[in-house]
Amino acid sequence: MPASPSFLQRLFGRTDPKEGLRPLYNALIREGRQPHWYLEGAVPDTLDGRFDMIVAILAQILMRLEQQAPGQDGAQDSVWLTELFVDDMDGQLRQEGVGDVVVGKHVGRMMSALGGRISAYRTALAGEADLAEALRRNLYRGADVSDAALAHVEGALRARWTRLGCLSHDALLSGDLG
């Protein structure tokens, strides 16, 4: 449910442009919480595992946004979606009791992880590297994982990547992940 505009936003007629990406962000969080990732895909059902799964999907969406409208709305939408992610992660850390002094450091590490994973997944999805290896390193953090679980996640992410490529910019922004 979208937050109602603040008094100042109503007074001056300004809305936060990130809110236009809220349906997409909510859809990506729902997708990252789907049980199949944790059951068939053996992604650890922990805070770190859920973060890693959401980042894998977020990375794909950010790449598609940038591809859909290079130098235009896609790049800006990518920035705003990332800002929603940062705001959410900041709030999650505070809910977990992380104090103000160290929240920034945690968020900085998360953003570094996101940047590294976007690079790894971009290279793998372009066929220039092995996606399974990128997943072992980034999603499973080097832990042993069965071939069947890895194949499940890799197949689902490749299918998601293909479906995202078939969506219009407006459909994606509305929260349609294919």
C-alpha atoms as a PDB file:
ATOM      1  CA  MET A   1       0.000   0.000   0.000  1.00  0.00           C
ATOM      2  CA  PRO A   2       1.624   3.312  -1.000  1.00  0.00           C
ATOM      3  CA  ALA A   3       2.375   5.715   1.805  1.00  0.00           C
ATOM      4  CA  SER A   4       0.246   8.837   1.765  1.00  0.00           C
ATOM      5  CA  PRO A   5       2.131  12.008   0.861  1.00  0.00           C
ATOM      6  CA  SER A   6       3.450  14.122   3.699  1.00  0.00           C
ATOM      7  CA  PHE A   7       1.977  17.513   4.516  1.00  0.00           C
ATOM      8  CA  LEU A   8       4.872  19.272   2.790  1.00  0.00           C
ATOM      9  CA  GLN A   9       4.577  17.077  -0.296  1.00  0.00           C
ATOM     10  CA  ARG A  10       0.871  17.883  -0.541  1.00  0.00           C
ATOM     11  CA  LEU A  11       1.516  21.574   0.107  1.00  0.00           C
ATOM     12  CA  PHE A  12       4.204  21.900  -2.549  1.00  0.00           C
ATOM     13  CA  GLY A  13       2.837  19.261  -4.930  1.00  0.00           C
ATOM     14  CA  ARG A  14       6.005  17.172  -4.881  1.00  0.00           C
ATOM     15  CA  THR A  15       6.079  13.434  -4.702  1.00  0.00           C
ATOM     16  CA  ASP A  16       9.026  11.147  -4.299  1.00  0.00           C
ATOM     17  CA  PRO A  17       9.845   9.777  -7.776  1.00  0.00           C
ATOM     18  CA  LYS A  18      11.013   6.518  -6.189  1.00  0.00           C
ATOM     19  CA  GLU A  19       7.418   5.752  -5.254  1.00  0.00           C
ATOM     20  CA  GLY A  20       6.665   5.079  -8.917  1.00  0.00           C
ATOM     21  CA  LEU A  21       8.952   2.052  -8.610  1.00  0.00           C
ATOM     22  CA  ARG A  22       7.305   0.718  -5.458  1.00  0.00           C
ATOM     23  CA  PRO A  23       5.180  -1.883  -7.373  1.00  0.00           C
ATOM     24  CA  LEU A  24       8.343  -3.224  -9.029  1.00  0.00           C
ATOM     25  CA  TYR A  25      10.253  -3.266  -5.741  1.00  0.00           C
ATOM     26  CA  ASN A  26       7.412  -5.062  -3.947  1.00  0.00           C
ATOM     27  CA  ALA A  27       7.234  -7.650  -6.751  1.00  0.00           C
ATOM     28  CA  LEU A  28      10.970  -8.284  -6.552  1.00  0.00           C
ATOM     29  CA  ILE A  29      10.798  -8.787  -2.779  1.00  0.00           C
ATOM     30  CA  ARG A  30       7.857 -11.204  -3.199  1.00  0.00           C
ATOM     31  CA  GLU A  31       9.816 -13.118  -5.827  1.00  0.00           C
ATOM     32  CA  GLY A  32      12.909 -13.297  -3.626  1.00  0.00           C
ATOM     33  CA  ARG A  33      10.827 -14.774  -0.818  1.00  0.00           C
ATOM     34  CA  GLN A  34       9.305 -17.575  -2.903  1.00  0.00           C
ATOM     35  CA  PRO A  35       9.801 -20.906  -1.089  1.00  0.00           C
ATOM     36  CA  HIS A  36      11.183 -22.743  -4.135  1.00  0.00           C
ATOM     37  CA  TRP A  37      14.477 -20.821  -3.881  1.00  0.00           C
ATOM     38  CA  TYR A  38      15.002 -22.152  -0.349  1.00  0.00           C
ATOM     39  CA  LEU A  39      13.500 -25.617  -0.772  1.00  0.00           C
ATOM     40  CA  GLU A  40      14.402 -26.881  -4.264  1.00  0.00           C
ATOM     41  CA  GLY A  41      17.227 -24.367  -4.686  1.00  0.00           C
ATOM     42  CA  ALA A  42      18.751 -24.922  -1.223  1.00  0.00           C
ATOM     43  CA  VAL A  43      19.477 -21.208  -0.793  1.00  0.00           C
ATOM     44  CA  PRO A  44      20.107 -20.818   2.950  1.00  0.00           C
ATOM     45  CA  ASP A  45      16.893 -19.630   4.615  1.00  0.00           C
ATOM     46  CA  THR A  46      18.746 -17.062   6.702  1.00  0.00           C
ATOM     47  CA  LEU A  47      19.015 -13.271   6.651  1.00  0.00           C
ATOM     48  CA  ASP A  48      22.121 -13.550   4.484  1.00  0.00           C
ATOM     49  CA  GLY A  49      20.534 -16.145   2.190  1.00  0.00           C
ATOM     50  CA  ARG A  50      17.425 -14.048   1.667  1.00  0.00           C
ATOM     51  CA  PHE A  51      19.555 -10.965   1.035  1.00  0.00           C
ATOM     52  CA  ASP A  52      21.606 -12.896  -1.527  1.00  0.00           C
ATOM     53  CA  MET A  53      18.487 -14.185  -3.303  1.00  0.00           C
ATOM     54  CA  ILE A  54      16.872 -10.758  -3.455  1.00  0.00           C
ATOM     55  CA  VAL A  55      20.138  -9.278  -4.746  1.00  0.00           C
ATOM     56  CA  ALA A  56      20.314 -11.912  -7.510  1.00  0.00           C
ATOM     57  CA  ILE A  57      16.847 -10.895  -8.718  1.00  0.00           C
ATOM     58  CA  LEU A  58      17.484  -7.176  -8.153  1.00  0.00           C
ATOM     59  CA  ALA A  59      20.654  -7.399 -10.235  1.00  0.00           C
ATOM     60  CA  GLN A  60      18.679  -8.833 -13.161  1.00  0.00           C
ATOM     61  CA  ILE A  61      16.017  -6.149 -12.905  1.00  0.00           C
ATOM     62  CA  LEU A  62      18.577  -3.336 -12.695  1.00  0.00           C
ATOM     63  CA  MET A  63      20.361  -4.678 -15.783  1.00  0.00           C
ATOM     64  CA  ARG A  64      17.084  -4.911 -17.731  1.00  0.00           C
ATOM     65  CA  LEU A  65      16.043  -1.393 -16.717  1.00  0.00           C
ATOM     66  CA  GLU A  66      19.344  -0.046 -18.001  1.00  0.00           C
ATOM     67  CA  GLN A  67      18.977  -2.009 -21.259  1.00  0.00           C
ATOM     68  CA  GLN A  68      15.410  -0.901 -21.905  1.00  0.00           C
ATOM     69  CA  ALA A  69      16.092   2.804 -22.088  1.00  0.00           C
ATOM     70  CA  PRO A  70      19.820   3.460 -22.236  1.00  0.00           C
ATOM     71  CA  GLY A  71      20.619   7.013 -21.261  1.00  0.00           C
ATOM     72  CA  GLN A  72      16.951   7.720 -20.519  1.00  0.00           C
ATOM     73  CA  ASP A  73      14.409   6.636 -17.953  1.00  0.00           C
ATOM     74  CA  GLY A  74      15.881   3.169 -17.495  1.00  0.00           C
ATOM     75  CA  ALA A  75      19.091   4.427 -15.940  1.00  0.00           C
ATOM     76  CA  GLN A  76      17.225   6.811 -13.626  1.00  0.00           C
ATOM     77  CA  ASP A  77      14.713   4.108 -12.698  1.00  0.00           C
ATOM     78  CA  SER A  78      17.646   1.839 -11.896  1.00  0.00           C
ATOM     79  CA  VAL A  79      19.004   4.461  -9.497  1.00  0.00           C
ATOM     80  CA  TRP A  80      15.629   4.948  -7.827  1.00  0.00           C
ATOM     81  CA  LEU A  81      15.079   1.207  -7.478  1.00  0.00           C
ATOM     82  CA  THR A  82      18.499   0.921  -5.868  1.00  0.00           C
ATOM     83  CA  GLU A  83      17.571   3.736  -3.479  1.00  0.00           C
ATOM     84  CA  LEU A  84      14.407   1.856  -2.482  1.00  0.00           C
ATOM     85  CA  PHE A  85      16.571  -1.192  -1.802  1.00  0.00           C
ATOM     86  CA  VAL A  86      18.964   0.860   0.352  1.00  0.00           C
ATOM     87  CA  ASP A  87      16.078   2.424   2.283  1.00  0.00           C
ATOM     88  CA  ASP A  88      14.590  -1.025   2.889  1.00  0.00           C
ATOM     89  CA  MET A  89      17.888  -2.564   3.975  1.00  0.00           C
ATOM     90  CA  ASP A  90      18.535   0.396   6.300  1.00  0.00           C
ATOM     91  CA  GLY A  91      15.132  -0.159   7.893  1.00  0.00           C
ATOM     92  CA  GLN A  92      15.693  -3.913   8.178  1.00  0.00           C
ATOM     93  CA  LEU A  93      19.015  -3.376   9.925  1.00  0.00           C
ATOM     94  CA  ARG A  94      17.460  -0.959  12.386  1.00  0.00           C
ATOM     95  CA  GLN A  95      14.651  -3.466  13.093  1.00  0.00           C
ATOM     96  CA  GLU A  96      17.307  -6.071  13.844  1.00  0.00           C
ATOM     97  CA  GLY A  97      18.751  -3.689  16.439  1.00  0.00           C
ATOM     98  CA  VAL A  98      21.787  -2.455  14.529  1.00  0.00           C
ATOM     99  CA  GLY A  99      22.654   0.961  15.921  1.00  0.00           C
ATOM    100  CA  ASP A 100      22.899   4.227  14.007  1.00  0.00           C
ATOM    101  CA  VAL A 101      26.676   4.256  14.281  1.00  0.00           C
ATOM    102  CA  VAL A 102      27.179   1.076  12.243  1.00  0.00           C
ATOM    103  CA  VAL A 103      24.130   1.050   9.938  1.00  0.00           C
ATOM    104  CA  GLY A 104      26.041   3.060   7.329  1.00  0.00           C
ATOM    105  CA  LYS A 105      28.897   0.554   7.325  1.00  0.00           C
ATOM    106  CA  HIS A 106      26.492  -2.362   6.873  1.00  0.00           C
ATOM    107  CA  VAL A 107      24.657  -0.584   4.053  1.00  0.00           C
ATOM    108  CA  GLY A 108      28.010   0.230   2.431  1.00  0.00           C
ATOM    109  CA  ARG A 109      28.962  -3.458   2.482  1.00  0.00           C
ATOM    110  CA  MET A 110      25.572  -4.374   1.034  1.00  0.00           C
ATOM    111  CA  MET A 111      25.998  -1.888  -1.798  1.00  0.00           C
ATOM    112  CA  SER A 112      29.472  -3.217  -2.490  1.00  0.00           C
ATOM    113  CA  ALA A 113      28.026  -6.740  -2.616  1.00  0.00           C
ATOM    114  CA  LEU A 114      25.286  -5.570  -4.976  1.00  0.00           C
ATOM    115  CA  GLY A 115      27.813  -3.928  -7.299  1.00  0.00           C
ATOM    116  CA  GLY A 116      30.024  -7.010  -7.388  1.00  0.00           C
ATOM    117  CA  ARG A 117      27.104  -9.316  -8.016  1.00  0.00           C
ATOM    118  CA  ILE A 118      25.685  -7.164 -10.792  1.00  0.00           C
ATOM    119  CA  SER A 119      29.067  -7.402 -12.489  1.00  0.00           C
ATOM    120  CA  ALA A 120      29.314 -11.177 -11.981  1.00  0.00           C
ATOM    121  CA  TYR A 121      25.750 -11.865 -13.127  1.00  0.00           C
ATOM    122  CA  ARG A 122      26.007  -9.451 -16.074  1.00  0.00           C
ATOM    123  CA  THR A 123      29.111 -11.256 -17.324  1.00  0.00           C
ATOM    124  CA  ALA A 124      27.530 -14.672 -16.816  1.00  0.00           C
ATOM    125  CA  LEU A 125      24.210 -13.800 -18.441  1.00  0.00           C
ATOM    126  CA  ALA A 126      26.092 -12.384 -21.434  1.00  0.00           C
ATOM    127  CA  GLY A 127      27.728 -15.812 -21.834  1.00  0.00           C
ATOM    128  CA  GLU A 128      31.195 -14.557 -20.911  1.00  0.00           C
ATOM    129  CA  ALA A 129      31.373 -16.505 -17.637  1.00  0.00           C
ATOM    130  CA  ASP A 130      29.736 -19.477 -15.956  1.00  0.00           C
ATOM    131  CA  LEU A 131      26.498 -18.538 -14.155  1.00  0.00           C
ATOM    132  CA  ALA A 132      26.669 -21.649 -11.971  1.00  0.00           C
ATOM    133  CA  GLU A 133      30.093 -20.568 -10.727  1.00  0.00           C
ATOM    134  CA  ALA A 134      28.859 -17.023 -10.078  1.00  0.00           C
ATOM    135  CA  LEU A 135      25.962 -18.471  -8.075  1.00  0.00           C
ATOM    136  CA  ARG A 136      28.242 -20.782  -6.077  1.00  0.00           C
ATOM    137  CA  ARG A 137      30.427 -17.819  -5.183  1.00  0.00           C
ATOM    138  CA  ASN A 138      27.761 -15.178  -4.555  1.00  0.00           C
ATOM    139  CA  LEU A 139      24.483 -16.878  -3.687  1.00  0.00           C
ATOM    140  CA  TYR A 140      25.858 -19.874  -1.806  1.00  0.00           C
ATOM    141  CA  ARG A 141      29.010 -18.037  -0.638  1.00  0.00           C
ATOM    142  CA  GLY A 142      31.180 -21.017  -1.557  1.00  0.00           C
ATOM    143  CA  ALA A 143      29.249 -23.549   0.539  1.00  0.00           C
ATOM    144  CA  ASP A 144      28.613 -27.002  -0.882  1.00  0.00           C
ATOM    145  CA  VAL A 145      25.377 -27.209  -2.836  1.00  0.00           C
ATOM    146  CA  SER A 146      23.918 -30.126  -4.757  1.00  0.00           C
ATOM    147  CA  ASP A 147      23.962 -30.042  -8.530  1.00  0.00           C
ATOM    148  CA  ALA A 148      20.157 -30.354  -8.531  1.00  0.00           C
ATOM    149  CA  ALA A 149      19.694 -27.328  -6.254  1.00  0.00           C
ATOM    150  CA  LEU A 150      22.158 -25.263  -8.262  1.00  0.00           C
ATOM    151  CA  ALA A 151      20.471 -26.293 -11.518  1.00  0.00           C
ATOM    152  CA  HIS A 152      17.089 -25.268 -10.093  1.00  0.00           C
ATOM    153  CA  VAL A 153      18.270 -21.764  -9.187  1.00  0.00           C
ATOM    154  CA  GLU A 154      20.277 -21.314 -12.367  1.00  0.00           C
ATOM    155  CA  GLY A 155      17.353 -22.461 -14.532  1.00  0.00           C
ATOM    156  CA  ALA A 156      14.859 -20.239 -12.710  1.00  0.00           C
ATOM    157  CA  LEU A 157      17.137 -17.200 -12.949  1.00  0.00           C
ATOM    158  CA  ARG A 158      17.828 -17.794 -16.649  1.00  0.00           C
ATOM    159  CA  ALA A 159      14.091 -18.142 -17.287  1.00  0.00           C
ATOM    160  CA  ARG A 160      13.453 -14.936 -15.320  1.00  0.00           C
ATOM    161  CA  TRP A 161      16.131 -13.157 -17.382  1.00  0.00           C
ATOM    162  CA  THR A 162      14.443 -14.239 -20.609  1.00  0.00           C
ATOM    163  CA  ARG A 163      10.993 -13.200 -19.380  1.00  0.00           C
ATOM    164  CA  LEU A 164      12.289  -9.823 -18.204  1.00  0.00           C
ATOM    165  CA  GLY A 165      13.639  -9.244 -21.699  1.00  0.00           C
ATOM    166  CA  CYS A 166      10.128  -9.649 -23.145  1.00  0.00           C
ATOM    167  CA  LEU A 167       8.544  -6.989 -20.936  1.00  0.00           C
ATOM    168  CA  SER A 168       7.979  -3.362 -21.822  1.00  0.00           C
ATOM    169  CA  HIS A 169       9.400  -0.702 -19.545  1.00  0.00           C
ATOM    170  CA  ASP A 170       5.900   0.177 -18.301  1.00  0.00           C
ATOM    171  CA  ALA A 171       5.028  -3.457 -17.609  1.00  0.00           C
ATOM    172  CA  LEU A 172       8.202  -3.892 -15.593  1.00  0.00           C
ATOM    173  CA  LEU A 173       7.560  -0.717 -13.581  1.00  0.00           C
ATOM    174  CA  SER A 174       4.056  -1.968 -12.784  1.00  0.00           C
ATOM    175  CA  GLY A 175       5.604  -4.989 -11.050  1.00  0.00           C
ATOM    176  CA  ASP A 176       5.243  -7.534 -13.840  1.00  0.00           C
ATOM    177  CA  LEU A 177       8.279  -9.823 -13.603  1.00  0.00           C
ATOM    178  CA  GLY A 178       7.134 -12.072 -16.396  1.00  0.00           C
END
